[in-house]
C-alpha atoms as a PDB file:
ATOM      1  CA  MET A   1      41.494  84.474  42.663  1.00  0.00           C
ATOM      2  CA  GLU A   2      40.883  82.576  39.236  1.00  0.00           C
ATOM      3  CA  GLU A   3      43.558  82.365  36.800  1.00  0.00           C
ATOM      4  CA  THR A   4      43.275  83.341  33.005  1.00  0.00           C
ATOM      5  CA  HIS A   5      45.069  82.591  29.756  1.00  0.00           C
ATOM      6  CA  ASP A   6      45.977  84.732  27.096  1.00  0.00           C
ATOM      7  CA  HIS A   7      45.566  82.910  24.191  1.00  0.00           C
ATOM      8  CA  SER A   8      47.195  85.524  22.157  1.00  0.00           C
ATOM      9  CA  MET A   9      50.756  84.725  23.573  1.00  0.00           C
ATOM     10  CA  ASP A  10      50.506  80.957  22.235  1.00  0.00           C
ATOM     11  CA  PRO A  11      53.237  80.259  19.340  1.00  0.00           C
ATOM     12  CA  VAL A  12      51.413  80.271  15.825  1.00  0.00           C
ATOM     13  CA  PRO A  13      52.033  76.877  13.880  1.00  0.00           C
ATOM     14  CA  ASP A  14      54.064  77.559  10.755  1.00  0.00           C
ATOM     15  CA  VAL A  15      52.171  75.378   8.182  1.00  0.00           C
ATOM     16  CA  PRO A  16      52.484  76.372   4.473  1.00  0.00           C
ATOM     17  CA  LEU A  17      49.262  77.219   2.566  1.00  0.00           C
ATOM     18  CA  ASP A  18      50.041  74.567  -0.167  1.00  0.00           C
ATOM     19  CA  GLN A  19      49.767  71.744   2.587  1.00  0.00           C
ATOM     20  CA  LEU A  20      45.871  72.651   3.665  1.00  0.00           C
ATOM     21  CA  THR A  21      43.470  70.237   2.166  1.00  0.00           C
ATOM     22  CA  VAL A  22      40.022  71.476   1.274  1.00  0.00           C
ATOM     23  CA  PHE A  23      37.252  69.201   1.910  1.00  0.00           C
ATOM     24  CA  GLU A  24      33.867  69.650   0.116  1.00  0.00           C
ATOM     25  CA  ARG A  25      30.414  68.473   1.683  1.00  0.00           C
ATOM     26  CA  PRO A  26      28.843  66.298  -0.944  1.00  0.00           C
ATOM     27  CA  ASP A  27      25.302  66.777  -1.746  1.00  0.00           C
ATOM     28  CA  VAL A  28      23.709  63.336  -0.885  1.00  0.00           C
ATOM     29  CA  ARG A  29      20.261  62.724  -0.072  1.00  0.00           C
ATOM     30  CA  ILE A  30      19.417  60.051   2.708  1.00  0.00           C
ATOM     31  CA  ASP A  31      16.873  58.251   0.405  1.00  0.00           C
ATOM     32  CA  GLU A  32      19.657  57.564  -2.208  1.00  0.00           C
ATOM     33  CA  PHE A  33      21.577  55.670   0.054  1.00  0.00           C
ATOM     34  CA  THR A  34      21.838  51.814  -0.808  1.00  0.00           C
ATOM     35  CA  THR A  35      21.103  49.222   2.124  1.00  0.00           C
ATOM     36  CA  PHE A  36      22.954  46.002   2.247  1.00  0.00           C
ATOM     37  CA  GLU A  37      21.605  42.882   3.863  1.00  0.00           C
ATOM     38  CA  VAL A  38      24.587  40.519   4.916  1.00  0.00           C
ATOM     39  CA  GLN A  39      23.570  37.004   4.632  1.00  0.00           C
ATOM     40  CA  PRO A  40      24.753  34.192   6.468  1.00  0.00           C
ATOM     41  CA  ALA A  41      27.028  31.712   5.369  1.00  0.00           C
ATOM     42  CA  ILE A  42      24.972  28.576   4.363  1.00  0.00           C
ATOM     43  CA  ARG A  43      26.713  25.516   4.972  1.00  0.00           C
ATOM     44  CA  ARG A  44      26.554  23.109   1.766  1.00  0.00           C
ATOM     45  CA  LYS A  45      25.605  19.342   2.906  1.00  0.00           C
ATOM     46  CA  GLY A  46      28.207  16.702   1.744  1.00  0.00           C
ATOM     47  CA  PRO A  47      27.380  14.035  -0.794  1.00  0.00           C
ATOM     48  CA  VAL A  48      27.395  11.303   1.763  1.00  0.00           C
ATOM     49  CA  ARG A  49      24.479  13.195   3.826  1.00  0.00           C
ATOM     50  CA  GLU A  50      22.711  14.476   0.911  1.00  0.00           C
ATOM     51  CA  TRP A  51      22.402  10.840  -0.382  1.00  0.00           C
ATOM     52  CA  ILE A  52      21.622   9.363   3.192  1.00  0.00           C
ATOM     53  CA  GLU A  53      18.764  11.984   3.589  1.00  0.00           C
ATOM     54  CA  SER A  54      17.550  11.091   0.025  1.00  0.00           C
ATOM     55  CA  LEU A  55      17.510   7.296   0.965  1.00  0.00           C
ATOM     56  CA  ALA A  56      15.733   7.970   4.305  1.00  0.00           C
ATOM     57  CA  PHE A  57      12.762   9.811   2.499  1.00  0.00           C
ATOM     58  CA  THR A  58      12.656   7.423  -0.333  1.00  0.00           C
ATOM     59  CA  ILE A  59      12.128   4.547   2.420  1.00  0.00           C
ATOM     60  CA  ILE A  60       9.609   6.646   4.391  1.00  0.00           C
ATOM     61  CA  PHE A  61       7.616   7.142   1.405  1.00  0.00           C
ATOM     62  CA  VAL A  62       7.361   3.584   0.050  1.00  0.00           C
ATOM     63  CA  LEU A  63       6.584   2.501   3.455  1.00  0.00           C
ATOM     64  CA  ILE A  64       3.552   5.111   3.716  1.00  0.00           C
ATOM     65  CA  PHE A  65       2.624   4.541   0.404  1.00  0.00           C
ATOM     66  CA  THR A  66       2.540   0.632   0.411  1.00  0.00           C
ATOM     67  CA  ASN A  67       0.999   0.298   3.825  1.00  0.00           C
ATOM     68  CA  TYR A  68      -1.730   2.911   3.388  1.00  0.00           C
ATOM     69  CA  VAL A  69      -2.274   3.735  -0.071  1.00  0.00           C
ATOM     70  CA  ALA A  70      -1.348   0.971  -2.806  1.00  0.00           C
ATOM     71  CA  GLN A  71       0.778  -2.142  -2.622  1.00  0.00           C
ATOM     72  CA  ALA A  72       2.129  -4.311  -5.350  1.00  0.00           C
ATOM     73  CA  THR A  73       0.845  -7.909  -4.392  1.00  0.00           C
ATOM     74  CA  GLN A  74      -0.051 -11.186  -6.337  1.00  0.00           C
ATOM     75  CA  VAL A  75      -2.039 -14.535  -5.424  1.00  0.00           C
ATOM     76  CA  PRO A  76       0.417 -17.601  -5.452  1.00  0.00           C
ATOM     77  CA  THR A  77      -2.669 -20.359  -5.566  1.00  0.00           C
ATOM     78  CA  GLU A  78      -5.278 -21.293  -8.298  1.00  0.00           C
ATOM     79  CA  SER A  79      -8.195 -20.143  -5.891  1.00  0.00           C
ATOM     80  CA  MET A  80      -9.282 -17.344  -7.487  1.00  0.00           C
ATOM     81  CA  LYS A  81      -8.863 -18.619 -10.936  1.00  0.00           C
ATOM     82  CA  PRO A  82      -9.754 -17.650 -13.702  1.00  0.00           C
ATOM     83  CA  SER A  83     -10.263 -14.268 -12.295  1.00  0.00           C
ATOM     84  CA  ILE A  84      -6.769 -13.944 -10.845  1.00  0.00           C
ATOM     85  CA  LEU A  85      -4.059 -16.483 -12.293  1.00  0.00           C
ATOM     86  CA  VAL A  86      -1.138 -17.631 -10.686  1.00  0.00           C
ATOM     87  CA  GLY A  87       1.393 -15.000 -11.279  1.00  0.00           C
ATOM     88  CA  ASP A  88      -0.828 -11.848 -11.895  1.00  0.00           C
ATOM     89  CA  HIS A  89       0.624  -8.954 -10.218  1.00  0.00           C
ATOM     90  CA  PHE A  90      -1.711  -6.185  -9.442  1.00  0.00           C
ATOM     91  CA  PHE A  91      -2.030  -3.325  -7.348  1.00  0.00           C
ATOM     92  CA  LEU A  92      -4.062  -3.545  -3.929  1.00  0.00           C
ATOM     93  CA  ASP A  93      -6.209  -0.126  -3.254  1.00  0.00           C
ATOM     94  CA  LYS A  94      -5.758   0.078   0.584  1.00  0.00           C
ATOM     95  CA  ILE A  95      -7.021   3.792   1.305  1.00  0.00           C
ATOM     96  CA  ALA A  96      -9.521   4.005   3.733  1.00  0.00           C
ATOM     97  CA  PHE A  97      -9.614   0.427   5.007  1.00  0.00           C
ATOM     98  CA  PRO A  98      -9.063   0.973   8.677  1.00  0.00           C
ATOM     99  CA  ALA A  99      -7.335  -2.752   9.177  1.00  0.00           C
ATOM    100  CA  ASN A 100      -3.925  -0.964   7.800  1.00  0.00           C
ATOM    101  CA  PHE A 101      -3.708   1.243  10.919  1.00  0.00           C
ATOM    102  CA  PRO A 102      -3.137   0.371  14.348  1.00  0.00           C
ATOM    103  CA  GLU A 103      -6.024  -0.924  16.366  1.00  0.00           C
ATOM    104  CA  ALA A 104      -6.153   2.303  18.629  1.00  0.00           C
ATOM    105  CA  VAL A 105      -7.297   4.531  15.895  1.00  0.00           C
ATOM    106  CA  GLN A 106      -9.254   2.003  14.204  1.00  0.00           C
ATOM    107  CA  PRO A 107     -12.715   3.223  15.095  1.00  0.00           C
ATOM    108  CA  TYR A 108     -12.067   6.719  14.378  1.00  0.00           C
ATOM    109  CA  LEU A 109     -11.181   6.215  10.758  1.00  0.00           C
ATOM    110  CA  PRO A 110     -13.661   6.124   7.714  1.00  0.00           C
ATOM    111  CA  LYS A 111     -14.328   2.874   6.092  1.00  0.00           C
ATOM    112  CA  ARG A 112     -14.836   1.937   2.520  1.00  0.00           C
ATOM    113  CA  SER A 113     -18.223   0.354   1.873  1.00  0.00           C
ATOM    114  CA  ILE A 114     -17.978  -3.663   0.810  1.00  0.00           C
ATOM    115  CA  GLU A 115     -20.829  -5.099  -1.465  1.00  0.00           C
ATOM    116  CA  ARG A 116     -21.610  -8.358  -2.504  1.00  0.00           C
ATOM    117  CA  LEU A 117     -19.585 -10.059  -5.227  1.00  0.00           C
ATOM    118  CA  ASP A 118     -16.442  -7.231  -4.508  1.00  0.00           C
ATOM    119  CA  VAL A 119     -13.067  -9.030  -4.432  1.00  0.00           C
ATOM    120  CA  ILE A 120     -11.204  -7.903  -1.224  1.00  0.00           C
ATOM    121  CA  ALA A 121      -7.969  -8.718   0.721  1.00  0.00           C
ATOM    122  CA  PHE A 122      -8.197  -9.504   4.151  1.00  0.00           C
ATOM    123  CA  ARG A 123      -5.986 -10.876   7.008  1.00  0.00           C
ATOM    124  CA  SER A 124      -5.990 -14.848   6.777  1.00  0.00           C
ATOM    125  CA  PRO A 125      -8.195 -16.032   9.917  1.00  0.00           C
ATOM    126  CA  THR A 126      -5.740 -18.888  10.529  1.00  0.00           C
ATOM    127  CA  ASP A 127      -2.233 -16.577  10.120  1.00  0.00           C
ATOM    128  CA  GLY A 128      -2.676 -13.047  10.285  1.00  0.00           C
ATOM    129  CA  ASN A 129       0.310 -12.378   8.472  1.00  0.00           C
ATOM    130  CA  ILE A 130      -0.671 -13.830   5.235  1.00  0.00           C
ATOM    131  CA  PRO A 131      -3.261 -11.928   3.095  1.00  0.00           C
ATOM    132  CA  PHE A 132      -5.810 -14.045   1.384  1.00  0.00           C
ATOM    133  CA  VAL A 133      -7.567 -12.667  -1.768  1.00  0.00           C
ATOM    134  CA  LYS A 134     -11.455 -13.917  -2.311  1.00  0.00           C
ATOM    135  CA  ARG A 135     -14.938 -12.681  -3.343  1.00  0.00           C
ATOM    136  CA  VAL A 136     -17.602 -11.442  -1.041  1.00  0.00           C
ATOM    137  CA  ILE A 137     -20.540 -13.863  -1.347  1.00  0.00           C
ATOM    138  CA  GLY A 138     -22.803 -12.826   1.661  1.00  0.00           C
ATOM    139  CA  THR A 139     -23.560  -9.481   3.479  1.00  0.00           C
ATOM    140  CA  PRO A 140     -24.558  -9.006   6.967  1.00  0.00           C
ATOM    141  CA  GLY A 141     -27.779 -10.452   7.425  1.00  0.00           C
ATOM    142  CA  ASP A 142     -27.799 -13.099   4.409  1.00  0.00           C
ATOM    143  CA  VAL A 143     -28.659 -16.403   4.518  1.00  0.00           C
ATOM    144  CA  ILE A 144     -26.095 -18.525   2.563  1.00  0.00           C
ATOM    145  CA  GLU A 145     -26.291 -22.202   1.604  1.00  0.00           C
ATOM    146  CA  VAL A 146     -24.145 -24.514  -0.685  1.00  0.00           C
ATOM    147  CA  ARG A 147     -26.249 -27.449  -2.094  1.00  0.00           C
ATOM    148  CA  ASN A 148     -24.588 -29.561  -4.877  1.00  0.00           C
ATOM    149  CA  LYS A 149     -22.083 -26.842  -5.294  1.00  0.00           C
ATOM    150  CA  ASN A 150     -24.499 -24.124  -5.924  1.00  0.00           C
ATOM    151  CA  VAL A 151     -24.829 -21.088  -3.755  1.00  0.00           C
ATOM    152  CA  TYR A 152     -27.885 -20.017  -2.437  1.00  0.00           C
ATOM    153  CA  ILE A 153     -28.607 -16.517  -0.902  1.00  0.00           C
ATOM    154  CA  ASN A 154     -31.865 -16.135   1.188  1.00  0.00           C
ATOM    155  CA  GLY A 155     -33.240 -19.225  -0.575  1.00  0.00           C
ATOM    156  CA  VAL A 156     -32.543 -17.827  -4.034  1.00  0.00           C
ATOM    157  CA  LYS A 157     -29.583 -19.455  -6.355  1.00  0.00           C
ATOM    158  CA  ILE A 158     -27.345 -16.963  -7.839  1.00  0.00           C
ATOM    159  CA  ASP A 159     -25.791 -16.466 -10.955  1.00  0.00           C
ATOM    160  CA  GLU A 160     -21.905 -16.886 -10.784  1.00  0.00           C
ATOM    161  CA  PRO A 161     -20.279 -16.552 -14.435  1.00  0.00           C
ATOM    162  CA  TYR A 162     -17.027 -15.847 -12.879  1.00  0.00           C
ATOM    163  CA  LYS A 163     -16.623 -19.538 -10.948  1.00  0.00           C
ATOM    164  CA  ILE A 164     -15.377 -22.522 -12.108  1.00  0.00           C
ATOM    165  CA  HIS A 165     -15.415 -26.256 -10.837  1.00  0.00           C
ATOM    166  CA  VAL A 166     -12.410 -28.394 -11.373  1.00  0.00           C
ATOM    167  CA  ASP A 167     -13.954 -31.489 -10.275  1.00  0.00           C
ATOM    168  CA  SER A 168     -17.354 -32.755 -11.394  1.00  0.00           C
ATOM    169  CA  THR A 169     -18.069 -34.949  -8.252  1.00  0.00           C
ATOM    170  CA  ILE A 170     -20.644 -33.681  -5.877  1.00  0.00           C
ATOM    171  CA  TYR A 171     -19.781 -35.001  -2.280  1.00  0.00           C
ATOM    172  CA  GLY A 172     -22.770 -36.034   0.132  1.00  0.00           C
ATOM    173  CA  ASP A 173     -23.287 -36.054   3.987  1.00  0.00           C
ATOM    174  CA  GLU A 174     -22.282 -39.837   4.163  1.00  0.00           C
ATOM    175  CA  THR A 175     -21.010 -40.737   7.507  1.00  0.00           C
ATOM    176  CA  TRP A 176     -17.548 -41.967   6.171  1.00  0.00           C
ATOM    177  CA  MET A 177     -17.119 -38.887   4.074  1.00  0.00           C
ATOM    178  CA  PRO A 178     -14.144 -36.426   4.912  1.00  0.00           C
ATOM    179  CA  GLU A 179     -15.512 -33.231   6.619  1.00  0.00           C
ATOM    180  CA  GLU A 180     -13.558 -30.903   4.048  1.00  0.00           C
ATOM    181  CA  LEU A 181     -15.148 -32.737   1.374  1.00  0.00           C
ATOM    182  CA  LYS A 182     -18.635 -32.496   2.906  1.00  0.00           C
ATOM    183  CA  ILE A 183     -18.737 -28.880   3.168  1.00  0.00           C
ATOM    184  CA  ARG A 184     -17.350 -28.028  -0.047  1.00  0.00           C
ATOM    185  CA  ASP A 185     -20.166 -29.131  -1.938  1.00  0.00           C
ATOM    186  CA  ASN A 186     -23.094 -28.748   0.675  1.00  0.00           C
ATOM    187  CA  TYR A 187     -22.681 -26.180   3.445  1.00  0.00           C
ATOM    188  CA  GLY A 188     -25.162 -24.171   5.763  1.00  0.00           C
ATOM    189  CA  PRO A 189     -27.494 -22.634   6.071  1.00  0.00           C
ATOM    190  CA  VAL A 190     -25.795 -20.036   7.991  1.00  0.00           C
ATOM    191  CA  THR A 191     -26.600 -16.279   8.756  1.00  0.00           C
ATOM    192  CA  VAL A 192     -23.894 -13.639   8.195  1.00  0.00           C
ATOM    193  CA  PRO A 193     -23.371 -11.767  11.535  1.00  0.00           C
ATOM    194  CA  LEU A 194     -23.448  -7.910  11.698  1.00  0.00           C
ATOM    195  CA  ASP A 195     -20.084  -6.289  10.593  1.00  0.00           C
ATOM    196  CA  SER A 196     -19.206  -9.514   8.880  1.00  0.00           C
ATOM    197  CA  TYR A 197     -18.849 -11.245   5.501  1.00  0.00           C
ATOM    198  CA  PHE A 198     -18.887 -14.574   3.883  1.00  0.00           C
ATOM    199  CA  VAL A 199     -16.168 -15.102   1.269  1.00  0.00           C
ATOM    200  CA  MET A 200     -15.013 -17.611  -1.298  1.00  0.00           C
ATOM    201  CA  GLY A 201     -12.665 -18.313  -4.013  1.00  0.00           C
ATOM    202  CA  ASP A 202     -13.744 -18.285  -7.693  1.00  0.00           C
ATOM    203  CA  ASN A 203     -12.224 -21.736  -8.142  1.00  0.00           C
ATOM    204  CA  ARG A 204     -14.588 -23.362  -6.076  1.00  0.00           C
ATOM    205  CA  ASP A 205     -13.168 -26.855  -5.649  1.00  0.00           C
ATOM    206  CA  ASN A 206      -9.613 -25.632  -4.674  1.00  0.00           C
ATOM    207  CA  SER A 207     -10.035 -22.922  -2.309  1.00  0.00           C
ATOM    208  CA  ASN A 208      -9.494 -22.324   1.337  1.00  0.00           C
ATOM    209  CA  ASP A 209     -12.605 -19.978   2.248  1.00  0.00           C
ATOM    210  CA  SER A 210     -15.349 -19.119   4.226  1.00  0.00           C
ATOM    211  CA  ARG A 211     -16.536 -22.969   4.191  1.00  0.00           C
ATOM    212  CA  TYR A 212     -13.829 -24.050   6.461  1.00  0.00           C
ATOM    213  CA  TRP A 213     -13.073 -21.318   9.001  1.00  0.00           C
ATOM    214  CA  GLY A 214     -16.262 -19.045   8.727  1.00  0.00           C
ATOM    215  CA  PHE A 215     -16.941 -15.202   8.803  1.00  0.00           C
ATOM    216  CA  ILE A 216     -14.202 -12.351   8.687  1.00  0.00           C
ATOM    217  CA  THR A 217     -14.939  -8.961   9.854  1.00  0.00           C
ATOM    218  CA  SER A 218     -14.600  -5.509   8.348  1.00  0.00           C
ATOM    219  CA  ASN A 219     -11.501  -5.097  10.394  1.00  0.00           C
ATOM    220  CA  ASP A 220      -9.801  -8.148   8.687  1.00  0.00           C
ATOM    221  CA  VAL A 221     -10.068  -6.406   5.417  1.00  0.00           C
ATOM    222  CA  ILE A 222      -7.020  -4.730   3.917  1.00  0.00           C
ATOM    223  CA  GLY A 223      -7.700  -3.513   0.521  1.00  0.00           C
ATOM    224  CA  LYS A 224      -9.469  -4.180  -3.071  1.00  0.00           C
ATOM    225  CA  PRO A 225      -7.330  -5.441  -5.841  1.00  0.00           C
ATOM    226  CA  LEU A 226      -7.427  -3.133  -8.919  1.00  0.00           C
ATOM    227  CA  PHE A 227      -5.866  -3.839 -11.928  1.00  0.00           C
ATOM    228  CA  VAL A 228      -2.809  -6.260 -13.381  1.00  0.00           C
ATOM    229  CA  TYR A 229       0.207  -4.773 -13.965  1.00  0.00           C
ATOM    230  CA  TRP A 230       2.141  -7.811 -14.841  1.00  0.00           C
ATOM    231  CA  SER A 231       1.179 -11.484 -15.341  1.00  0.00           C
ATOM    232  CA  TYR A 232       4.017 -14.195 -15.529  1.00  0.00           C
ATOM    233  CA  GLU A 233       3.036 -17.668 -16.243  1.00  0.00           C
ATOM    234  CA  SER A 234       4.404 -19.702 -13.029  1.00  0.00           C
ATOM    235  CA  ASP A 235       3.455 -22.642 -10.921  1.00  0.00           C
ATOM    236  CA  PRO A 236       1.278 -22.229  -7.803  1.00  0.00           C
ATOM    237  CA  TYR A 237       2.862 -21.493  -4.477  1.00  0.00           C
ATOM    238  CA  VAL A 238       4.339 -24.870  -2.530  1.00  0.00           C
ATOM    239  CA  PRO A 239       4.478 -24.509   1.046  1.00  0.00           C
ATOM    240  CA  GLY A 240       7.519 -24.621   2.923  1.00  0.00           C
ATOM    241  CA  ASP A 241      10.916 -22.466   3.005  1.00  0.00           C
ATOM    242  CA  ARG A 242      13.082 -22.506   0.018  1.00  0.00           C
ATOM    243  CA  THR A 243      16.881 -22.387   0.116  1.00  0.00           C
ATOM    244  CA  ILE A 244      18.858 -19.511  -1.303  1.00  0.00           C
ATOM    245  CA  ARG A 245      19.825 -21.678  -4.478  1.00  0.00           C
ATOM    246  CA  GLU A 246      15.834 -22.411  -5.202  1.00  0.00           C
ATOM    247  CA  ARG A 247      15.020 -19.106  -4.712  1.00  0.00           C
ATOM    248  CA  LEU A 248      18.107 -17.670  -7.140  1.00  0.00           C
ATOM    249  CA  ALA A 249      17.194 -20.356  -9.624  1.00  0.00           C
ATOM    250  CA  GLY A 250      13.671 -18.913  -9.954  1.00  0.00           C
ATOM    251  CA  TYR A 251      15.002 -15.282 -10.584  1.00  0.00           C
ATOM    252  CA  LEU A 252      17.201 -16.451 -13.138  1.00  0.00           C
ATOM    253  CA  SER A 253      14.092 -18.712 -14.624  1.00  0.00           C
ATOM    254  CA  ILE A 254      11.963 -15.690 -14.748  1.00  0.00           C
ATOM    255  CA  ALA A 255      14.777 -13.453 -16.251  1.00  0.00           C
ATOM    256  CA  GLY A 256      15.343 -15.706 -19.147  1.00  0.00           C
ATOM    257  CA  ASN A 257      11.825 -16.452 -20.003  1.00  0.00           C
ATOM    258  CA  PHE A 258      10.427 -12.817 -19.150  1.00  0.00           C
ATOM    259  CA  PHE A 259       9.372 -12.097 -22.871  1.00  0.00           C
ATOM    260  CA  THR A 260       8.147 -15.603 -23.474  1.00  0.00           C
ATOM    261  CA  ARG A 261       6.232 -16.321 -20.338  1.00  0.00           C
ATOM    262  CA  THR A 262       4.387 -13.297 -19.749  1.00  0.00           C
ATOM    263  CA  ARG A 263       1.019 -12.716 -20.158  1.00  0.00           C
ATOM    264  CA  TRP A 264       0.874  -9.656 -22.093  1.00  0.00           C
ATOM    265  CA  PHE A 265      -2.909 -10.034 -22.595  1.00  0.00           C
ATOM    266  CA  ARG A 266      -3.312  -9.831 -19.208  1.00  0.00           C
ATOM    267  CA  MET A 267      -1.476  -6.560 -18.427  1.00  0.00           C
ATOM    268  CA  GLY A 268      -4.080  -3.850 -17.461  1.00  0.00           C
ATOM    269  CA  THR A 269      -7.003  -6.262 -16.822  1.00  0.00           C
ATOM    270  CA  ILE A 270      -9.574  -5.288 -14.081  1.00  0.00           C
ATOM    271  CA  VAL A 271      -9.879  -7.399 -11.217  1.00  0.00           C
ATOM    272  CA  GLY A 272     -13.555  -8.090 -10.136  1.00  0.00           C
END
């Protein structure tokens, strides 16, 4: 038989009336609740880390810009005088010249057009680490010939207001004459191969160019000079390594003569 419990027999708690607490149900609608999202704590970078990241970004940007967009450069010799003087500092436009990229991707990149009489920069045929700046004289298919210092393209003498001659002597083809003097004033005729160019310096008697080492290809071209942003009157480059003292003396000379030897009239000059 199941037992039953009579709750009427339980003792009644002795609670005074004034100790009772009355709870009122607030009338609050659900759409009036405000939701708060807790954001995770953000760790602030230390000053050293921020400086390192900023420096790394700057270096990467400069490397990309100078290798593929534009590069500040100069010609240390007189081979392009008077178009480019020793001490002219100019920007080199390097956009869309595949030679600035790894060989594996060069065939897939767009190429800039190169026209006759363009001034271009290219890797030296004798030392690939040294850039040369010369003027394009012959394009693919042209027959180039130099007769008594005058240039003929396809049998027609061309007008060259940009060139100069610092030596009035014209050397012939005598057997005793050094080869470099023979071809300086009389060269060719030669036909420019496909995808190649014949280049010469504007200072014809003082230029190491295609007369001496032949043609260049489009894959050698790294850019076109834009304009002179600073020009400083300085001496032509002398081959050979300079000591630290000689380098320091050069920098001090530039600092001391900046205003008096800067060619202010050259600044902004278009190269071409």
